[in-house]
C-alpha atoms as a PDB file:
ATOM      1  CA  GLN A   1      -0.001  -0.195   0.100  1.00  0.00           C
ATOM      2  CA  VAL A   2       1.120   3.790  -0.891  1.00  0.00           C
ATOM      3  CA  GLN A   3      -0.061   6.443   1.298  1.00  0.00           C
ATOM      4  CA  LEU A   4       0.476  10.514   0.453  1.00  0.00           C
ATOM      5  CA  VAL A   5      -0.270  13.002   2.879  1.00  0.00           C
ATOM      6  CA  GLU A   6      -0.730  16.693   1.929  1.00  0.00           C
ATOM      7  CA  SER A   7      -0.310  19.306   4.363  1.00  0.00           C
ATOM      8  CA  GLY A   8       0.592  23.076   4.307  1.00  0.00           C
ATOM      9  CA  GLY A   9      -2.681  24.383   2.709  1.00  0.00           C
ATOM     10  CA  GLY A  10      -4.398  27.433   4.046  1.00  0.00           C
ATOM     11  CA  LEU A  11      -6.026  30.863   4.023  1.00  0.00           C
ATOM     12  CA  VAL A  12      -3.541  33.164   2.219  1.00  0.00           C
ATOM     13  CA  GLN A  13      -3.875  36.902   0.792  1.00  0.00           C
ATOM     14  CA  PRO A  14      -3.488  37.512  -2.489  1.00  0.00           C
ATOM     15  CA  GLY A  15       0.578  38.124  -3.117  1.00  0.00           C
ATOM     16  CA  GLY A  16       1.493  35.943  -0.571  1.00  0.00           C
ATOM     17  CA  SER A  17       3.133  32.554  -0.288  1.00  0.00           C
ATOM     18  CA  LEU A  18       2.383  28.930   0.669  1.00  0.00           C
ATOM     19  CA  ARG A  19       4.645  25.808   0.995  1.00  0.00           C
ATOM     20  CA  LEU A  20       2.898  22.539   0.393  1.00  0.00           C
ATOM     21  CA  ALA A  21       4.298  19.099   1.500  1.00  0.00           C
ATOM     22  CA  CYS A  22       3.184  15.599   0.202  1.00  0.00           C
ATOM     23  CA  ALA A  23       4.825  12.728   2.772  1.00  0.00           C
ATOM     24  CA  ALA A  24       4.801   9.357   0.723  1.00  0.00           C
ATOM     25  CA  SER A  25       4.979   6.073   2.873  1.00  0.00           C
ATOM     26  CA  GLY A  26       4.572   2.498   2.090  1.00  0.00           C
ATOM     27  CA  SER A  27       5.495   0.136  -0.556  1.00  0.00           C
ATOM     28  CA  ILE A  28       7.675   2.733  -3.054  1.00  0.00           C
ATOM     29  CA  SER A  29       9.346   1.438  -5.550  1.00  0.00           C
ATOM     30  CA  SER A  30      10.325   2.164  -9.455  1.00  0.00           C
ATOM     31  CA  ILE A  31       9.097   5.647  -9.051  1.00  0.00           C
ATOM     32  CA  ARG A  32       8.547   7.207 -12.754  1.00  0.00           C
ATOM     33  CA  GLY A  33       7.613  10.933 -11.071  1.00  0.00           C
ATOM     34  CA  MET A  34       5.471  12.996  -8.730  1.00  0.00           C
ATOM     35  CA  GLY A  35       3.298  16.170  -9.512  1.00  0.00           C
ATOM     36  CA  TRP A  36       1.078  17.999  -7.835  1.00  0.00           C
ATOM     37  CA  TYR A  37      -2.574  18.819  -9.418  1.00  0.00           C
ATOM     38  CA  ARG A  38      -5.483  21.070  -8.431  1.00  0.00           C
ATOM     39  CA  GLN A  39      -9.449  21.092  -8.637  1.00  0.00           C
ATOM     40  CA  THR A  40     -12.145  23.395  -7.974  1.00  0.00           C
ATOM     41  CA  PRO A  41     -15.629  22.491  -8.079  1.00  0.00           C
ATOM     42  CA  GLY A  42     -16.837  22.231 -12.004  1.00  0.00           C
ATOM     43  CA  LYS A  43     -13.707  21.938 -13.274  1.00  0.00           C
ATOM     44  CA  GLN A  44     -11.443  19.105 -14.919  1.00  0.00           C
ATOM     45  CA  ARG A  45      -8.146  18.163 -12.613  1.00  0.00           C
ATOM     46  CA  GLU A  46      -5.749  19.849 -13.797  1.00  0.00           C
ATOM     47  CA  LEU A  47      -1.847  19.551 -13.634  1.00  0.00           C
ATOM     48  CA  VAL A  48      -0.141  22.379 -11.947  1.00  0.00           C
ATOM     49  CA  ALA A  49       3.765  21.075 -11.679  1.00  0.00           C
ATOM     50  CA  PHE A  50       5.230  17.701 -12.147  1.00  0.00           C
ATOM     51  CA  ILE A  51       9.093  16.265 -11.396  1.00  0.00           C
ATOM     52  CA  ASP A  52      10.313  12.970 -13.089  1.00  0.00           C
ATOM     53  CA  ILE A  53      12.664  10.508 -11.766  1.00  0.00           C
ATOM     54  CA  GLY A  54      15.639  12.279 -13.512  1.00  0.00           C
ATOM     55  CA  GLY A  55      14.368  15.647 -11.592  1.00  0.00           C
ATOM     56  CA  THR A  56      13.098  17.259 -15.173  1.00  0.00           C
ATOM     57  CA  THR A  57      10.176  19.335 -14.124  1.00  0.00           C
ATOM     58  CA  ASN A  58       7.469  21.003 -15.983  1.00  0.00           C
ATOM     59  CA  TYR A  59       4.586  23.368 -15.092  1.00  0.00           C
ATOM     60  CA  ALA A  60       1.483  24.691 -16.021  1.00  0.00           C
ATOM     61  CA  ASP A  61       1.697  27.750 -17.989  1.00  0.00           C
ATOM     62  CA  SER A  62      -0.327  29.675 -15.427  1.00  0.00           C
ATOM     63  CA  VAL A  63       2.021  29.152 -12.560  1.00  0.00           C
ATOM     64  CA  LYS A  64       5.429  29.282 -14.425  1.00  0.00           C
ATOM     65  CA  GLY A  65       7.421  31.688 -12.603  1.00  0.00           C
ATOM     66  CA  ARG A  66       5.441  31.862  -9.147  1.00  0.00           C
ATOM     67  CA  PHE A  67       5.603  28.290  -8.179  1.00  0.00           C
ATOM     68  CA  THR A  68       8.664  25.782  -7.372  1.00  0.00           C
ATOM     69  CA  ILE A  69       8.254  22.047  -7.409  1.00  0.00           C
ATOM     70  CA  SER A  70      10.989  20.119  -5.454  1.00  0.00           C
ATOM     71  CA  ARG A  71      11.265  16.986  -3.791  1.00  0.00           C
ATOM     72  CA  ASP A  72      13.282  15.199  -1.113  1.00  0.00           C
ATOM     73  CA  ASN A  73      14.086  11.516  -1.688  1.00  0.00           C
ATOM     74  CA  ALA A  74      15.622  10.855   1.364  1.00  0.00           C
ATOM     75  CA  LYS A  75      12.220  11.997   2.883  1.00  0.00           C
ATOM     76  CA  ASN A  76       9.921  10.715   0.441  1.00  0.00           C
ATOM     77  CA  THR A  77       8.487  14.255   0.295  1.00  0.00           C
ATOM     78  CA  LEU A  78       7.519  16.650  -2.671  1.00  0.00           C
ATOM     79  CA  TYR A  79       6.847  19.916  -2.142  1.00  0.00           C
ATOM     80  CA  LEU A  80       5.066  22.714  -3.901  1.00  0.00           C
ATOM     81  CA  GLN A  81       6.276  26.449  -2.980  1.00  0.00           C
ATOM     82  CA  MET A  82       3.823  28.918  -4.224  1.00  0.00           C
ATOM     83  CA  ASN A  83       4.523  32.657  -4.385  1.00  0.00           C
ATOM     84  CA  SER A  84       2.722  35.728  -5.579  1.00  0.00           C
ATOM     85  CA  LEU A  85      -0.549  33.960  -5.210  1.00  0.00           C
ATOM     86  CA  LYS A  86      -3.892  34.813  -6.901  1.00  0.00           C
ATOM     87  CA  PRO A  87      -7.490  34.346  -6.539  1.00  0.00           C
ATOM     88  CA  GLU A  88      -7.492  31.872  -9.260  1.00  0.00           C
ATOM     89  CA  ASP A  89      -5.089  29.714  -7.619  1.00  0.00           C
ATOM     90  CA  THR A  90      -7.809  28.942  -5.218  1.00  0.00           C
ATOM     91  CA  ALA A  91      -8.369  25.024  -5.305  1.00  0.00           C
ATOM     92  CA  VAL A  92      -7.771  21.783  -3.593  1.00  0.00           C
ATOM     93  CA  TYR A  93      -4.245  20.818  -4.409  1.00  0.00           C
ATOM     94  CA  LEU A  94      -3.791  17.084  -4.697  1.00  0.00           C
ATOM     95  CA  CYS A  95      -0.521  15.002  -4.632  1.00  0.00           C
ATOM     96  CA  ASN A  96       0.197  12.522  -6.954  1.00  0.00           C
ATOM     97  CA  LEU A  97       2.732   9.623  -7.216  1.00  0.00           C
ATOM     98  CA  PHE A  98       3.729   8.071 -10.566  1.00  0.00           C
ATOM     99  CA  LEU A  99       4.570   4.305  -9.766  1.00  0.00           C
ATOM    100  CA  ALA A 100       5.460   1.625 -12.519  1.00  0.00           C
ATOM    101  CA  ARG A 101       3.091  -0.529 -11.065  1.00  0.00           C
ATOM    102  CA  GLY A 102       0.479   2.711 -11.319  1.00  0.00           C
ATOM    103  CA  ILE A 103      -0.694   6.111 -10.221  1.00  0.00           C
ATOM    104  CA  TYR A 104      -1.539   7.058  -6.565  1.00  0.00           C
ATOM    105  CA  TRP A 105      -3.059  10.218  -4.953  1.00  0.00           C
ATOM    106  CA  GLY A 106      -3.194  12.001  -1.774  1.00  0.00           C
ATOM    107  CA  GLN A 107      -6.584  13.380  -0.263  1.00  0.00           C
ATOM    108  CA  GLY A 108      -5.891  16.909  -1.226  1.00  0.00           C
ATOM    109  CA  THR A 109      -5.054  20.289   1.088  1.00  0.00           C
ATOM    110  CA  GLN A 110      -7.405  23.296   0.375  1.00  0.00           C
ATOM    111  CA  VAL A 111      -5.632  26.614  -0.844  1.00  0.00           C
ATOM    112  CA  THR A 112      -7.764  29.525  -0.535  1.00  0.00           C
ATOM    113  CA  VAL A 113      -6.556  33.032  -1.754  1.00  0.00           C
ATOM    114  CA  SER A 114      -8.315  35.572  -0.506  1.00  0.00           C
ATOM    115  CA  SER A 115      -8.354  39.164   0.850  1.00  0.00           C
END
Protein backbone atom coordinates (compact mmCIF):
# COMPACT_ATOMS: atom_id res chain seq x y z
CA GLN A 1 0.00 0.00 0.00
CA VAL A 2 1.01 3.57 -0.66
CA GLN A 3 -0.08 6.58 1.36
CA LEU A 4 0.25 10.21 0.35
CA VAL A 5 -0.49 12.90 2.91
CA GLU A 6 -0.57 16.54 1.89
CA SER A 7 -0.11 19.45 4.25
CA GLY A 8 0.52 23.18 4.18
CA GLY A 9 -2.70 24.48 2.69
CA GLY A 10 -4.66 27.35 4.16
CA LEU A 11 -5.96 30.86 3.65
CA VAL A 12 -3.59 33.45 2.25
CA GLN A 13 -3.96 36.96 0.87
CA PRO A 14 -3.28 37.71 -2.80
CA GLY A 15 0.45 38.11 -3.33
CA GLY A 16 1.24 35.81 -0.43
CA SER A 17 3.07 32.51 -0.31
CA LEU A 18 2.44 28.97 0.84
CA ARG A 19 4.52 25.82 0.84
CA LEU A 20 2.75 22.52 0.35
CA ALA A 21 4.26 19.20 1.34
CA CYS A 22 3.33 15.65 0.38
CA ALA A 23 4.74 12.82 2.46
CA ALA A 24 4.79 9.41 0.80
CA SER A 25 4.94 6.16 2.73
CA GLY A 26 4.42 2.47 2.18
CA SER A 27 5.60 0.22 -0.61
CA ILE A 28 7.30 2.76 -2.83
CA SER A 29 9.45 1.44 -5.64
CA SER A 30 10.13 2.16 -9.29
CA ILE A 31 9.13 5.81 -9.04
CA ARG A 32 8.54 7.45 -12.39
CA GLY A 33 7.64 10.86 -11.03
CA MET A 34 5.58 12.95 -8.64
CA GLY A 35 3.31 15.86 -9.23
CA TRP A 36 0.84 18.39 -7.94
CA TYR A 37 -2.60 18.79 -9.42
CA ARG A 38 -5.45 21.06 -8.44
CA GLN A 39 -9.18 20.88 -8.68
CA THR A 40 -12.03 23.35 -8.27
CA PRO A 41 -15.76 22.52 -8.27
CA GLY A 42 -17.11 22.01 -11.76
CA LYS A 43 -13.69 21.99 -13.39
CA GLN A 44 -11.43 19.23 -14.56
CA ARG A 45 -8.43 18.35 -12.44
CA GLU A 46 -5.41 20.13 -13.88
CA LEU A 47 -1.70 19.56 -13.68
CA VAL A 48 0.14 22.24 -11.72
CA ALA A 49 3.68 20.86 -11.68
CA PHE A 50 5.46 17.55 -12.17
CA ILE A 51 8.97 16.28 -11.49
CA ASP A 52 10.21 13.06 -13.05
CA ILE A 53 12.71 10.58 -11.71
CA GLY A 54 15.54 12.43 -13.42
CA GLY A 55 14.58 15.74 -11.86
CA THR A 56 13.08 17.30 -14.96
CA THR A 57 10.22 19.62 -14.07
CA ASN A 58 7.13 20.67 -15.94
CA TYR A 59 4.74 23.47 -15.00
CA ALA A 60 1.36 24.70 -16.08
CA ASP A 61 1.70 27.99 -17.96
CA SER A 62 -0.46 29.70 -15.34
CA VAL A 63 2.06 29.03 -12.54
CA LYS A 64 5.40 29.33 -14.33
CA GLY A 65 7.69 31.74 -12.55
CA ARG A 66 5.58 31.66 -9.40
CA PHE A 67 5.55 28.01 -8.27
CA THR A 68 8.49 25.68 -7.71
CA ILE A 69 8.27 21.92 -7.32
CA SER A 70 10.97 20.03 -5.48
CA ARG A 71 11.48 16.77 -3.64
CA ASP A 72 13.51 15.31 -0.81
CA ASN A 73 14.26 11.73 -1.79
CA ALA A 74 15.59 10.82 1.64
CA LYS A 75 12.29 11.82 3.23
CA ASN A 76 10.07 10.67 0.34
CA THR A 77 8.52 14.11 0.43
CA LEU A 78 7.39 16.35 -2.40
CA TYR A 79 7.06 20.12 -2.04
CA LEU A 80 5.37 22.94 -3.88
CA GLN A 81 6.52 26.45 -3.11
CA MET A 82 3.81 28.86 -4.21
CA ASN A 83 4.61 32.57 -4.43
CA SER A 84 2.68 35.57 -5.70
CA LEU A 85 -0.56 33.72 -5.17
CA LYS A 86 -3.66 34.86 -7.01
CA PRO A 87 -7.36 34.32 -6.26
CA GLU A 88 -7.53 32.01 -9.28
CA ASP A 89 -5.04 29.69 -7.57
CA THR A 90 -7.78 28.79 -5.08
CA ALA A 91 -8.34 25.05 -5.29
CA VAL A 92 -7.83 21.71 -3.63
CA TYR A 93 -4.25 20.69 -4.33
CA LEU A 94 -3.56 16.98 -4.69
CA CYS A 95 -0.32 15.11 -4.66
CA ASN A 96 0.28 12.39 -7.23
CA LEU A 97 2.84 9.57 -7.21
CA PHE A 98 3.54 7.81 -10.47
CA LEU A 99 5.00 4.34 -9.96
CA ALA A 100 5.73 1.69 -12.57
CA ARG A 101 2.81 -0.33 -11.20
CA GLY A 102 0.29 2.46 -10.96
CA ILE A 103 -0.66 5.99 -9.99
CA TYR A 104 -1.56 7.04 -6.47
CA TRP A 105 -3.29 10.14 -5.13
CA GLY A 106 -3.44 11.96 -1.83
CA GLN A 107 -6.63 13.34 -0.30
CA GLY A 108 -5.75 16.94 -1.07
CA THR A 109 -5.24 20.15 0.84
CA GLN A 110 -7.32 23.29 0.40
CA VAL A 111 -5.64 26.50 -0.72
CA THR A 112 -7.73 29.66 -0.58
CA VAL A 113 -6.39 32.96 -1.86
CA SER A 114 -8.59 35.82 -0.74
CA SER A 115 -8.42 39.20 0.89
